[in-house]
């Protein structure tokens, strides 16, 4: 079984528990999970954010 990292799980829209507060879950910021570049914790007391820098190749 292939192990998936945090970013892959977030992009697929899986429910991932916050690594900082362990009580909230990551939610995409202002868009759907497959298009998001930022995910924030659903716990209002936690300010943890995951940001993704997309890799763009130009030929």
PDB file of N, CA and C in Angstrom:
ATOM      1  N   UNK A   1       0.834  -1.177   0.000  1.00  0.00           N
ATOM      2  CA  UNK A   1       0.000   0.000   0.000  1.00  0.00           C
ATOM      3  C   UNK A   1       0.882   1.245   0.000  1.00  0.00           C
ATOM      4  N   UNK A   2       0.603   2.166  -0.910  1.00  0.00           N
ATOM      5  CA  UNK A   2       1.398   3.378  -1.035  1.00  0.00           C
ATOM      6  C   UNK A   2       1.009   4.386   0.045  1.00  0.00           C
ATOM      7  N   UNK A   3       2.014   4.945   0.688  1.00  0.00           N
ATOM      8  CA  UNK A   3       1.767   5.961   1.712  1.00  0.00           C
ATOM      9  C   UNK A   3       1.591   7.317   1.037  1.00  0.00           C
ATOM     10  N   UNK A   4       0.564   8.060   1.427  1.00  0.00           N
ATOM     11  CA  UNK A   4       0.314   9.379   0.864  1.00  0.00           C
ATOM     12  C   UNK A   4       0.739  10.448   1.859  1.00  0.00           C
ATOM     13  N   UNK A   5       1.253  11.543   1.337  1.00  0.00           N
ATOM     14  CA  UNK A   5       1.641  12.623   2.231  1.00  0.00           C
ATOM     15  C   UNK A   5       0.463  13.562   2.482  1.00  0.00           C
ATOM     16  N   UNK A   6       0.660  14.517   3.335  1.00  0.00           N
ATOM     17  CA  UNK A   6      -0.388  15.456   3.750  1.00  0.00           C
ATOM     18  C   UNK A   6      -0.965  16.224   2.563  1.00  0.00           C
ATOM     19  N   UNK A   7      -0.114  16.706   1.683  1.00  0.00           N
ATOM     20  CA  UNK A   7      -0.565  17.507   0.539  1.00  0.00           C
ATOM     21  C   UNK A   7      -1.477  16.692  -0.376  1.00  0.00           C
ATOM     22  N   UNK A   8      -1.094  15.456  -0.677  1.00  0.00           N
ATOM     23  CA  UNK A   8      -1.922  14.602  -1.536  1.00  0.00           C
ATOM     24  C   UNK A   8      -3.294  14.369  -0.925  1.00  0.00           C
ATOM     25  N   UNK A   9      -3.336  14.151   0.370  1.00  0.00           N
ATOM     26  CA  UNK A   9      -4.613  13.926   1.051  1.00  0.00           C
ATOM     27  C   UNK A   9      -5.495  15.172   1.006  1.00  0.00           C
ATOM     28  N   UNK A  10      -4.899  16.341   1.217  1.00  0.00           N
ATOM     29  CA  UNK A  10      -5.663  17.587   1.190  1.00  0.00           C
ATOM     30  C   UNK A  10      -6.229  17.862  -0.199  1.00  0.00           C
ATOM     31  N   UNK A  11      -5.425  17.645  -1.233  1.00  0.00           N
ATOM     32  CA  UNK A  11      -5.873  17.904  -2.603  1.00  0.00           C
ATOM     33  C   UNK A  11      -7.009  16.964  -3.002  1.00  0.00           C
ATOM     34  N   UNK A  12      -6.975  15.736  -2.502  1.00  0.00           N
ATOM     35  CA  UNK A  12      -8.046  14.776  -2.797  1.00  0.00           C
ATOM     36  C   UNK A  12      -9.326  15.084  -2.025  1.00  0.00           C
ATOM     37  N   UNK A  13      -9.240  15.991  -1.055  1.00  0.00           N
ATOM     38  CA  UNK A  13     -10.417  16.364  -0.280  1.00  0.00           C
ATOM     39  C   UNK A  13     -10.655  15.496   0.939  1.00  0.00           C
ATOM     40  N   UNK A  14      -9.652  14.715   1.338  1.00  0.00           N
ATOM     41  CA  UNK A  14      -9.790  13.868   2.521  1.00  0.00           C
ATOM     42  C   UNK A  14      -9.816  14.724   3.786  1.00  0.00           C
ATOM     43  N   UNK A  15     -10.457  14.209   4.808  1.00  0.00           N
ATOM     44  CA  UNK A  15     -10.533  14.897   6.096  1.00  0.00           C
ATOM     45  C   UNK A  15      -9.230  14.628   6.853  1.00  0.00           C
ATOM     46  N   UNK A  16      -8.420  15.676   7.025  1.00  0.00           N
ATOM     47  CA  UNK A  16      -7.113  15.552   7.667  1.00  0.00           C
ATOM     48  C   UNK A  16      -7.122  16.369   8.947  1.00  0.00           C
ATOM     49  N   UNK A  17      -6.761  15.738  10.061  1.00  0.00           N
ATOM     50  CA  UNK A  17      -6.732  16.401  11.362  1.00  0.00           C
ATOM     51  C   UNK A  17      -5.551  17.364  11.440  1.00  0.00           C
ATOM     52  N   UNK A  18      -5.771  18.499  12.074  1.00  0.00           N
ATOM     53  CA  UNK A  18      -4.741  19.525  12.238  1.00  0.00           C
ATOM     54  C   UNK A  18      -3.581  18.976  13.066  1.00  0.00           C
ATOM     55  N   UNK A  19      -2.364  19.205  12.587  1.00  0.00           N
ATOM     56  CA  UNK A  19      -1.167  18.719  13.276  1.00  0.00           C
ATOM     57  C   UNK A  19      -0.779  19.616  14.455  1.00  0.00           C
ATOM     58  N   UNK A  20      -1.332  20.824  14.519  1.00  0.00           N
ATOM     59  CA  UNK A  20      -0.981  21.757  15.589  1.00  0.00           C
ATOM     60  C   UNK A  20      -1.877  21.595  16.817  1.00  0.00           C
ATOM     61  N   UNK A  21      -3.202  21.623  16.620  1.00  0.00           N
ATOM     62  CA  UNK A  21      -4.120  21.592  17.769  1.00  0.00           C
ATOM     63  C   UNK A  21      -4.739  20.211  18.000  1.00  0.00           C
ATOM     64  N   UNK A  22      -4.691  19.344  17.015  1.00  0.00           N
ATOM     65  CA  UNK A  22      -5.223  17.974  17.091  1.00  0.00           C
ATOM     66  C   UNK A  22      -6.722  17.905  17.354  1.00  0.00           C
ATOM     67  N   UNK A  23      -7.448  19.016  17.159  1.00  0.00           N
ATOM     68  CA  UNK A  23      -8.903  18.972  17.351  1.00  0.00           C
ATOM     69  C   UNK A  23      -9.660  19.445  16.115  1.00  0.00           C
ATOM     70  N   UNK A  24      -9.030  20.274  15.287  1.00  0.00           N
ATOM     71  CA  UNK A  24      -9.674  20.764  14.069  1.00  0.00           C
ATOM     72  C   UNK A  24      -9.252  19.964  12.852  1.00  0.00           C
ATOM     73  N   UNK A  25      -9.871  20.280  11.724  1.00  0.00           N
ATOM     74  CA  UNK A  25      -9.551  19.639  10.452  1.00  0.00           C
ATOM     75  C   UNK A  25      -9.243  20.715   9.423  1.00  0.00           C
ATOM     76  N   UNK A  26      -8.416  20.384   8.423  1.00  0.00           N
ATOM     77  CA  UNK A  26      -8.037  21.350   7.400  1.00  0.00           C
ATOM     78  C   UNK A  26      -9.164  21.554   6.399  1.00  0.00           C
ATOM     79  N   UNK A  27      -9.432  22.838   6.083  1.00  0.00           N
ATOM     80  CA  UNK A  27     -10.486  23.240   5.158  1.00  0.00           C
ATOM     81  C   UNK A  27      -9.834  24.089   4.066  1.00  0.00           C
ATOM     82  N   UNK A  28     -10.204  23.873   2.784  1.00  0.00           N
ATOM     83  CA  UNK A  28      -9.634  24.701   1.719  1.00  0.00           C
ATOM     84  C   UNK A  28     -10.097  26.153   1.835  1.00  0.00           C
ATOM     85  N   UNK A  29      -9.217  27.075   1.489  1.00  0.00           N
ATOM     86  CA  UNK A  29      -9.510  28.505   1.593  1.00  0.00           C
ATOM     87  C   UNK A  29     -10.115  29.023   0.293  1.00  0.00           C
ATOM     88  N   UNK A  30     -11.382  29.440   0.331  1.00  0.00           N
ATOM     89  CA  UNK A  30     -12.107  30.112  -0.755  1.00  0.00           C
ATOM     90  C   UNK A  30     -12.263  29.342  -2.059  1.00  0.00           C
ATOM     91  N   UNK A  31     -12.100  28.046  -2.086  1.00  0.00           N
ATOM     92  CA  UNK A  31     -12.276  27.271  -3.313  1.00  0.00           C
ATOM     93  C   UNK A  31     -12.424  25.798  -2.966  1.00  0.00           C
ATOM     94  N   UNK A  32     -12.466  24.956  -3.976  1.00  0.00           N
ATOM     95  CA  UNK A  32     -12.554  23.516  -3.739  1.00  0.00           C
ATOM     96  C   UNK A  32     -11.167  22.972  -3.419  1.00  0.00           C
ATOM     97  N   UNK A  33     -11.123  21.791  -2.829  1.00  0.00           N
ATOM     98  CA  UNK A  33      -9.858  21.209  -2.382  1.00  0.00           C
ATOM     99  C   UNK A  33      -8.885  20.964  -3.534  1.00  0.00           C
ATOM    100  N   UNK A  34      -9.390  20.569  -4.697  1.00  0.00           N
ATOM    101  CA  UNK A  34      -8.483  20.275  -5.812  1.00  0.00           C
ATOM    102  C   UNK A  34      -7.872  21.532  -6.440  1.00  0.00           C
ATOM    103  N   UNK A  35      -8.427  22.711  -6.170  1.00  0.00           N
ATOM    104  CA  UNK A  35      -7.908  23.968  -6.727  1.00  0.00           C
ATOM    105  C   UNK A  35      -7.214  24.838  -5.682  1.00  0.00           C
ATOM    106  N   UNK A  36      -7.325  24.485  -4.421  1.00  0.00           N
ATOM    107  CA  UNK A  36      -6.822  25.330  -3.331  1.00  0.00           C
ATOM    108  C   UNK A  36      -5.302  25.310  -3.228  1.00  0.00           C
ATOM    109  N   UNK A  37      -4.743  26.447  -2.819  1.00  0.00           N
ATOM    110  CA  UNK A  37      -3.319  26.563  -2.525  1.00  0.00           C
ATOM    111  C   UNK A  37      -3.104  26.792  -1.038  1.00  0.00           C
ATOM    112  N   UNK A  38      -4.195  27.033  -0.292  1.00  0.00           N
ATOM    113  CA  UNK A  38      -4.125  27.238   1.152  1.00  0.00           C
ATOM    114  C   UNK A  38      -5.231  26.454   1.839  1.00  0.00           C
ATOM    115  N   UNK A  39      -4.884  25.864   2.963  1.00  0.00           N
ATOM    116  CA  UNK A  39      -5.840  25.141   3.792  1.00  0.00           C
ATOM    117  C   UNK A  39      -5.671  25.645   5.218  1.00  0.00           C
ATOM    118  N   UNK A  40      -6.778  25.920   5.900  1.00  0.00           N
ATOM    119  CA  UNK A  40      -6.691  26.421   7.266  1.00  0.00           C
ATOM    120  C   UNK A  40      -7.416  25.473   8.215  1.00  0.00           C
ATOM    121  N   UNK A  41      -7.079  25.559   9.484  1.00  0.00           N
ATOM    122  CA  UNK A  41      -7.674  24.705  10.507  1.00  0.00           C
ATOM    123  C   UNK A  41      -9.088  25.188  10.825  1.00  0.00           C
ATOM    124  N   UNK A  42     -10.006  24.238  11.007  1.00  0.00           N
ATOM    125  CA  UNK A  42     -11.404  24.573  11.300  1.00  0.00           C
ATOM    126  C   UNK A  42     -11.620  25.013  12.746  1.00  0.00           C
ATOM    127  N   UNK A  43     -10.636  24.798  13.610  1.00  0.00           N
ATOM    128  CA  UNK A  43     -10.728  25.208  15.007  1.00  0.00           C
ATOM    129  C   UNK A  43     -10.500  26.723  15.087  1.00  0.00           C
ATOM    130  N   UNK A  44     -11.489  27.499  15.570  1.00  0.00           N
ATOM    131  CA  UNK A  44     -11.333  28.965  15.614  1.00  0.00           C
ATOM    132  C   UNK A  44     -10.209  29.441  16.536  1.00  0.00           C
ATOM    133  N   UNK A  45      -9.766  28.619  17.471  1.00  0.00           N
ATOM    134  CA  UNK A  45      -8.685  29.009  18.380  1.00  0.00           C
ATOM    135  C   UNK A  45      -7.302  28.707  17.801  1.00  0.00           C
ATOM    136  N   UNK A  46      -7.267  27.985  16.686  1.00  0.00           N
ATOM    137  CA  UNK A  46      -6.000  27.596  16.055  1.00  0.00           C
ATOM    138  C   UNK A  46      -5.795  28.434  14.795  1.00  0.00           C
ATOM    139  N   UNK A  47      -4.601  28.936  14.589  1.00  0.00           N
ATOM    140  CA  UNK A  47      -4.297  29.752  13.407  1.00  0.00           C
ATOM    141  C   UNK A  47      -3.399  29.024  12.413  1.00  0.00           C
ATOM    142  N   UNK A  48      -3.383  27.695  12.469  1.00  0.00           N
ATOM    143  CA  UNK A  48      -2.481  26.918  11.618  1.00  0.00           C
ATOM    144  C   UNK A  48      -2.962  26.925  10.167  1.00  0.00           C
ATOM    145  N   UNK A  49      -2.045  27.192   9.235  1.00  0.00           N
ATOM    146  CA  UNK A  49      -2.350  27.237   7.806  1.00  0.00           C
ATOM    147  C   UNK A  49      -1.315  26.411   7.055  1.00  0.00           C
ATOM    148  N   UNK A  50      -1.771  25.652   6.056  1.00  0.00           N
ATOM    149  CA  UNK A  50      -0.880  24.919   5.157  1.00  0.00           C
ATOM    150  C   UNK A  50      -0.978  25.592   3.796  1.00  0.00           C
ATOM    151  N   UNK A  51       0.164  26.021   3.255  1.00  0.00           N
ATOM    152  CA  UNK A  51       0.185  26.655   1.933  1.00  0.00           C
ATOM    153  C   UNK A  51       0.983  25.776   0.979  1.00  0.00           C
ATOM    154  N   UNK A  52       0.481  25.674  -0.252  1.00  0.00           N
ATOM    155  CA  UNK A  52       1.118  24.854  -1.276  1.00  0.00           C
ATOM    156  C   UNK A  52       1.620  25.770  -2.383  1.00  0.00           C
ATOM    157  N   UNK A  53       2.875  25.601  -2.779  1.00  0.00           N
ATOM    158  CA  UNK A  53       3.421  26.328  -3.926  1.00  0.00           C
ATOM    159  C   UNK A  53       3.354  25.404  -5.130  1.00  0.00           C
ATOM    160  N   UNK A  54       2.526  25.735  -6.125  1.00  0.00           N
ATOM    161  CA  UNK A  54       2.409  24.858  -7.289  1.00  0.00           C
ATOM    162  C   UNK A  54       3.672  24.896  -8.150  1.00  0.00           C
ATOM    163  N   UNK A  55       3.995  23.760  -8.737  1.00  0.00           N
ATOM    164  CA  UNK A  55       5.133  23.668  -9.640  1.00  0.00           C
ATOM    165  C   UNK A  55       4.595  23.807 -11.061  1.00  0.00           C
ATOM    166  N   UNK A  56       5.041  24.843 -11.748  1.00  0.00           N
ATOM    167  CA  UNK A  56       4.576  25.115 -13.107  1.00  0.00           C
ATOM    168  C   UNK A  56       5.768  25.008 -14.053  1.00  0.00           C
ATOM    169  N   UNK A  57       5.654  24.111 -15.025  1.00  0.00           N
ATOM    170  CA  UNK A  57       6.713  23.937 -16.011  1.00  0.00           C
ATOM    171  C   UNK A  57       6.290  24.595 -17.318  1.00  0.00           C
ATOM    172  N   UNK A  58       7.144  25.461 -17.841  1.00  0.00           N
ATOM    173  CA  UNK A  58       6.869  26.150 -19.092  1.00  0.00           C
ATOM    174  C   UNK A  58       7.857  25.637 -20.133  1.00  0.00           C
ATOM    175  N   UNK A  59       7.325  25.187 -21.238  1.00  0.00           N
ATOM    176  CA  UNK A  59       8.200  24.681 -22.303  1.00  0.00           C
ATOM    177  C   UNK A  59       8.342  25.697 -23.403  1.00  0.00           C
TER     178      UNK A  59
END
